[in-house]
Structure formats: structure tokens, C-alpha cells
Amino acid sequence: MAERLQKLLARLGHGSRREIERWIEQGLVTVNGRVATLGDQAGPDDKVAVRGKAVPLKAEPKPRVIAYHKPDGELTTRKDPEGRPTVFDHLPRLRNGRWIAVGRLDYNTSGLLLFTTDGELAAKLMHPSTEVEREYAVRILGEVPPEALRQLTTGVELEDGPARFETLRDAGGAGANHWYHVTLREGRNREVRRLWEAVGLTVSRLTRVRYGPVALGRALRAGRWRDLEPAEMGALYAAAGLSWTPPKVRREDRRPPKPPRTARRPRK
């Protein structure tokens, strides 16, 4: 069946819907040799090209999602004019499609970043209407007055509108620094830092520890990635309001492993 071009290409992992819409507006996508326009549809029998390169439509790869532990000092972008390191420098290579980042993290923010080959999943997870919860570990410099904590959960006026933390939990600390865990259901630019700054406090360290049902965990070191487990994939797709079918287990994978061979004791 034919479907809208941006939805089709996003589902095949060639970019997010918004990104593909920009390509169409710039005249970079063709369908059957004709420059595409927004609203065009395509199906398995059509010939689609992006920047002159043919895009296979019949072989749909299985969607993949990975968790990446972003360290401080990396940009959430594909290329940087200044040559600074980016998160895409450390991701596994793909034969078909490409990685789509689910949201962003600032240059000085570390923690969990999700990447997927499923453009529809990425779009759903990032859309404000989905309200997927994000959790952050925040280290605050100096003493935090109780009134500031109350304001942060009841509402603070920012330059782009009111905002607040869904939850705010004391996570302990010693000396001049204190840790808190906070949650949000939106992804405005630098929102966590701006909320604390709005009540006169300074964030000295910020780490995202969870995105929806997927947690960063302690085993994933900075600069490393891992594929999501089947249970995590199902929970993530459910949080986005989408269905996900786990891959079939091959017959040989269901067989119990053979016991290790041991050397026979020689006869006396």
C-alpha cells in the first residue's frame, strides 16, 4: 500500500519525519524521476531517491534501538564545523538506514541517549502529546532553600512559558554539593538547568538516568552503547503508543546447550 513519503522513509530508518519533510521542501527527494512535494505518496513498486541515491522500499529492516551513555563534551549532532566530537562518532555502523537520535542532550550534559532506526518511533517519543517521562540526576552547588524546592514543583515562569518538575527527590550529598532526582514530561531546550537557575541555584552536574521505561543503569560506561532487551523494546513502543512484535526465536536457539565434553579417565 502507498503511504505518505515522509512516513514511509522515516519508517525505513532514513531520518525523522520532520527531517524528511525538509528534504522534500528542498527538492532533494524524487519519486519515479519526479521531484517530490509534500503530500506525495509512494509504495513498494515506486522508485524513490534521496539526493540522487536510490532508496530500497521492499526490504524493510527490523527496527533497532540502542542506549548510549553520552559523556560530557560531545555534541548531539552528526557533524560539527569546529571538529568537536559528536555522539554519532561512537555508534555502530548500519548497512541500511541510519541512526535517529531520540531527543538531545547539551554539550555539558551526560547520560542516556536513545537511538533508533525507526523514524516513526522517534517521532512519537519526542512529540509533546506523548508525554514520555525523563529522569535526571542533578547536582546543585550550595544550600537549597525549602521554598525553592516548592517553587520547582508548583511552577516557575521561564522565557518560553511556565514549567515545573513532575517529581523532585532528595538524593543526598555532602559538602558544598547536593544531589536531586527530577522528572519532566517534555523536552524543552536546557529546561532542567533553566528551572534551577530561575530560583537562583546553580547546576554543577547533570545526567539523564532514564528515558521513559529505559534506564541508563550502572553497567553502561560513558562512551559505550548497548542494544535494548526485548522487554525494554516492548515497553518503549508501548510508551509511544505503537505495537512491536518481538523477533522469532530460531529453532536452534531454543535447544538447550550441549554439555561440555570431558576427557575419559584412562582404564587401569
Protein backbone atom coordinates (compact mmCIF):
# COMPACT_ATOMS: atom_id res chain seq x y z
CA MET A 1 0.00 0.00 0.00
CA ALA A 2 1.14 3.53 -0.76
CA GLU A 3 1.73 5.90 2.14
CA ARG A 4 2.95 9.43 2.63
CA LEU A 5 6.56 9.78 1.57
CA GLN A 6 7.87 11.21 4.84
CA LYS A 7 6.16 8.46 6.87
CA LEU A 8 7.47 5.72 4.58
CA LEU A 9 11.09 6.93 4.61
CA ALA A 10 11.00 7.52 8.37
CA ARG A 11 9.69 4.00 8.97
CA LEU A 12 12.57 2.63 6.89
CA GLY A 13 15.05 4.50 9.07
CA HIS A 14 16.22 7.23 6.69
CA GLY A 15 15.52 10.08 9.09
CA SER A 16 12.83 11.63 11.24
CA ARG A 17 9.60 12.83 9.64
CA ARG A 18 10.49 16.48 10.18
CA GLU A 19 13.92 15.97 8.66
CA ILE A 20 12.49 14.20 5.61
CA GLU A 21 9.86 16.92 5.19
CA ARG A 22 12.70 19.46 5.00
CA TRP A 23 14.41 17.34 2.34
CA ILE A 24 11.18 17.26 0.31
CA GLU A 25 10.79 21.04 0.61
CA GLN A 26 14.39 21.47 -0.57
CA GLY A 27 13.76 19.27 -3.63
CA LEU A 28 16.15 16.51 -2.51
CA VAL A 29 13.64 13.64 -2.86
CA THR A 30 12.33 12.21 -6.14
CA VAL A 31 9.59 9.66 -6.87
CA ASN A 32 9.81 7.86 -10.22
CA GLY A 33 12.19 10.55 -11.51
CA ARG A 34 9.97 13.47 -10.49
CA VAL A 35 10.83 15.91 -7.71
CA ALA A 36 8.54 15.09 -4.79
CA THR A 37 6.28 17.54 -2.98
CA LEU A 38 4.74 17.37 0.49
CA GLY A 39 1.71 15.11 0.38
CA ASP A 40 3.11 12.72 -2.25
CA GLN A 41 2.78 9.01 -1.61
CA ALA A 42 4.89 6.03 -2.58
CA GLY A 43 4.72 2.24 -2.35
CA PRO A 44 6.94 -0.82 -2.84
CA ASP A 45 6.77 -0.59 -6.66
CA ASP A 46 7.83 3.05 -6.85
CA LYS A 47 11.39 4.29 -7.34
CA VAL A 48 12.39 6.75 -4.62
CA ALA A 49 15.72 8.53 -4.42
CA VAL A 50 17.22 10.88 -1.80
CA ARG A 51 19.93 13.23 -3.07
CA GLY A 52 20.11 11.11 -6.22
CA LYS A 53 20.68 7.83 -4.33
CA ALA A 54 18.06 5.10 -4.74
CA VAL A 55 16.26 4.01 -1.59
CA PRO A 56 15.10 0.36 -1.40
CA LEU A 57 11.45 0.15 -0.38
CA LYS A 58 10.68 -3.55 -0.46
CA ALA A 59 13.17 -4.89 2.07
CA GLU A 60 12.13 -3.41 5.41
CA PRO A 61 14.81 -3.96 8.08
CA LYS A 62 13.79 -4.86 11.60
CA PRO A 63 13.69 -1.79 13.83
CA ARG A 64 16.58 -1.41 16.24
CA VAL A 65 17.02 0.75 19.34
CA ILE A 66 20.24 1.28 21.28
CA ALA A 67 21.03 3.05 24.54
CA TYR A 68 24.14 5.25 24.50
CA HIS A 69 25.87 6.70 27.56
CA LYS A 70 26.81 10.19 26.43
CA PRO A 71 29.80 11.69 28.25
CA ASP A 72 30.31 15.41 28.83
CA GLY A 73 31.94 17.18 25.90
CA GLU A 74 30.06 15.54 23.00
CA LEU A 75 27.56 17.22 20.71
CA THR A 76 24.22 15.68 19.75
CA THR A 77 24.72 16.39 16.05
CA ARG A 78 26.08 14.49 13.05
CA LYS A 79 28.81 16.98 12.14
CA ASP A 80 30.40 19.93 13.90
CA PRO A 81 32.07 22.73 11.88
CA GLU A 82 34.64 23.12 14.66
CA GLY A 83 35.55 19.44 14.58
CA ARG A 84 34.39 18.68 18.12
CA PRO A 85 33.39 15.07 18.94
CA THR A 86 29.76 14.07 18.40
CA VAL A 87 27.64 11.23 19.76
CA PHE A 88 27.44 9.70 16.26
CA ASP A 89 31.20 9.08 16.24
CA HIS A 90 30.77 6.11 18.60
CA LEU A 91 27.65 4.38 17.26
CA PRO A 92 27.67 1.06 15.39
CA ARG A 93 27.54 1.22 11.61
CA LEU A 94 24.37 0.28 9.74
CA ARG A 95 24.09 -1.41 6.36
CA ASN A 96 20.69 0.14 5.67
CA GLY A 97 19.07 3.27 7.10
CA ARG A 98 20.68 5.45 9.71
CA TRP A 99 20.54 6.26 13.42
CA ILE A 100 17.98 8.80 14.59
CA ALA A 101 18.55 10.44 17.96
CA VAL A 102 15.54 10.46 20.28
CA GLY A 103 15.88 13.97 21.69
CA ARG A 104 19.12 15.73 22.55
CA LEU A 105 21.48 16.36 25.43
CA ASP A 106 23.52 19.54 25.87
CA TYR A 107 27.29 19.61 25.39
CA ASN A 108 27.85 19.64 29.17
CA THR A 109 25.10 17.12 30.00
CA SER A 110 25.82 13.40 30.22
CA GLY A 111 23.67 10.30 30.45
CA LEU A 112 21.17 8.27 28.48
CA LEU A 113 20.53 8.91 24.79
CA LEU A 114 18.34 6.59 22.74
CA PHE A 115 18.98 5.99 19.04
CA THR A 116 16.69 4.11 16.69
CA THR A 117 16.35 3.13 13.04
CA ASP A 118 12.55 3.56 13.32
CA GLY A 119 11.66 7.14 12.40
CA GLU A 120 8.03 6.74 13.45
CA LEU A 121 9.08 5.58 16.93
CA ALA A 122 11.47 8.55 17.28
CA ALA A 123 8.75 10.99 16.23
CA LYS A 124 6.22 9.55 18.68
CA LEU A 125 8.65 9.54 21.61
CA MET A 126 9.66 13.18 21.03
CA HIS A 127 6.17 14.56 20.38
CA PRO A 128 4.87 16.63 23.33
CA SER A 129 1.49 14.85 23.28
CA THR A 130 3.14 11.52 24.18
CA GLU A 131 4.47 12.97 27.48
CA VAL A 132 7.22 10.40 27.93
CA GLU A 133 8.86 10.91 31.32
CA ARG A 134 12.57 11.80 31.53
CA GLU A 135 14.52 11.47 34.78
CA TYR A 136 17.69 13.42 35.62
CA ALA A 137 20.24 13.31 38.40
CA VAL A 138 21.15 16.92 39.27
CA ARG A 139 24.00 18.13 41.47
CA ILE A 140 23.34 21.59 42.95
CA LEU A 141 26.07 23.86 44.23
CA GLY A 142 25.34 25.41 47.63
CA GLU A 143 22.41 25.34 50.02
CA VAL A 144 18.90 24.82 48.60
CA PRO A 145 16.11 26.67 50.45
CA PRO A 146 12.85 24.71 51.01
CA GLU A 147 10.91 27.49 49.25
CA ALA A 148 12.97 26.94 46.07
CA LEU A 149 12.07 23.24 46.07
CA ARG A 150 8.40 24.11 46.46
CA GLN A 151 8.55 26.53 43.53
CA LEU A 152 10.20 23.97 41.28
CA THR A 153 7.31 21.53 41.69
CA THR A 154 4.46 24.07 41.67
CA GLY A 155 5.62 26.17 38.72
CA VAL A 156 8.25 28.66 37.56
CA GLU A 157 7.85 31.19 34.76
CA LEU A 158 10.51 30.78 32.05
CA GLU A 159 11.02 32.90 28.93
CA ASP A 160 9.15 30.28 26.84
CA GLY A 161 6.31 29.75 29.32
CA PRO A 162 5.63 28.17 32.72
CA ALA A 163 7.40 24.94 33.66
CA ARG A 164 7.85 22.65 36.64
CA PHE A 165 9.26 19.30 37.67
CA GLU A 166 6.78 16.44 37.87
CA THR A 167 8.72 14.99 40.80
CA LEU A 168 11.71 16.15 42.85
CA ARG A 169 13.52 13.78 45.21
CA ASP A 170 16.44 14.42 47.55
CA ALA A 171 19.29 12.03 46.63
CA GLY A 172 21.78 13.08 49.32
CA GLY A 173 25.22 14.61 49.19
CA ALA A 174 27.94 16.14 51.30
CA GLY A 175 29.89 19.36 51.45
CA ALA A 176 29.05 22.14 49.02
CA ASN A 177 27.13 19.88 46.62
CA HIS A 178 23.79 18.11 46.94
CA TRP A 179 22.09 15.66 44.58
CA TYR A 180 18.44 15.59 43.49
CA HIS A 181 16.48 13.40 41.06
CA VAL A 182 13.88 15.23 38.99
CA THR A 183 11.44 14.18 36.26
CA LEU A 184 9.94 16.05 33.30
CA ARG A 185 7.41 15.11 30.62
CA GLU A 186 8.68 17.49 27.95
CA GLY A 187 11.96 18.23 26.22
CA ARG A 188 12.42 21.98 26.02
CA ASN A 189 15.92 23.30 25.42
CA ARG A 190 18.04 23.29 28.63
CA GLU A 191 14.84 23.09 30.68
CA VAL A 192 16.33 21.36 33.72
CA ARG A 193 19.15 23.88 34.07
CA ARG A 194 16.87 26.85 33.41
CA LEU A 195 14.41 25.78 36.08
CA TRP A 196 17.11 25.64 38.75
CA GLU A 197 18.62 28.92 37.54
CA ALA A 198 15.17 30.56 37.74
CA VAL A 199 15.15 30.03 41.52
CA GLY A 200 18.71 31.30 41.90
CA LEU A 201 20.57 27.98 42.05
CA THR A 202 23.49 26.61 40.02
CA VAL A 203 23.66 23.14 38.44
CA SER A 204 27.20 21.79 38.73
CA ARG A 205 26.46 18.43 37.09
CA LEU A 206 23.55 16.99 35.12
CA THR A 207 22.95 13.40 33.98
CA ARG A 208 19.89 11.83 32.36
CA VAL A 209 19.34 8.48 34.03
CA ARG A 210 16.07 7.37 32.39
CA TYR A 211 14.00 7.96 29.26
CA GLY A 212 10.50 6.51 29.63
CA PRO A 213 10.82 2.84 30.65
CA VAL A 214 14.53 2.61 29.70
CA ALA A 215 17.10 3.24 32.45
CA LEU A 216 20.77 4.08 31.97
CA GLY A 217 21.96 1.63 34.63
CA ARG A 218 25.42 1.40 36.14
CA ALA A 219 26.87 -1.22 33.80
CA LEU A 220 26.89 1.00 30.68
CA ARG A 221 30.05 3.08 30.79
CA ALA A 222 30.41 6.55 29.27
CA GLY A 223 31.01 6.43 25.51
CA ARG A 224 29.53 2.91 25.18
CA TRP A 225 26.24 1.65 23.74
CA ARG A 226 24.04 -1.44 24.05
CA ASP A 227 21.03 -2.87 22.21
CA LEU A 228 17.79 -2.76 24.16
CA GLU A 229 16.47 -6.03 25.55
CA PRO A 230 13.18 -7.39 24.10
CA ALA A 231 11.28 -6.38 27.26
CA GLU A 232 12.66 -2.84 27.00
CA MET A 233 11.70 -2.66 23.31
CA GLY A 234 8.14 -3.71 24.07
CA ALA A 235 7.83 -1.20 26.92
CA LEU A 236 9.30 1.62 24.82
CA TYR A 237 6.98 1.01 21.87
CA ALA A 238 4.02 0.82 24.28
CA ALA A 239 5.04 4.17 25.81
CA ALA A 240 4.98 5.65 22.29
CA GLY A 241 1.54 4.17 21.60
CA LEU A 242 2.92 1.77 18.96
CA SER A 243 2.91 -2.00 18.64
CA TRP A 244 6.07 -4.07 18.49
CA THR A 245 6.48 -7.71 17.54
CA PRO A 246 9.47 -9.46 19.12
CA PRO A 247 11.74 -11.32 16.70
CA LYS A 248 11.09 -15.01 16.26
CA VAL A 249 13.42 -17.32 18.13
CA ARG A 250 15.24 -19.67 15.78
CA ARG A 251 14.80 -23.39 16.37
CA GLU A 252 18.48 -23.89 17.15
CA ASP A 253 18.32 -21.09 19.75
CA ARG A 254 15.59 -22.98 21.64
CA ARG A 255 17.70 -26.11 22.08
CA PRO A 256 19.45 -26.48 25.42
CA PRO A 257 23.22 -26.16 25.16
CA LYS A 258 25.17 -29.39 24.87
CA PRO A 259 27.11 -30.38 27.98
CA PRO A 260 30.84 -29.79 27.66
CA ARG A 261 32.88 -32.79 26.60
CA THR A 262 35.18 -34.17 29.26
CA ALA A 263 38.19 -36.41 28.83
CA ARG A 264 37.61 -40.02 29.84
CA ARG A 265 39.65 -41.41 32.68
CA PRO A 266 42.04 -44.00 31.29
CA ARG A 267 41.39 -47.61 32.30
CA LYS A 268 43.76 -49.25 34.74
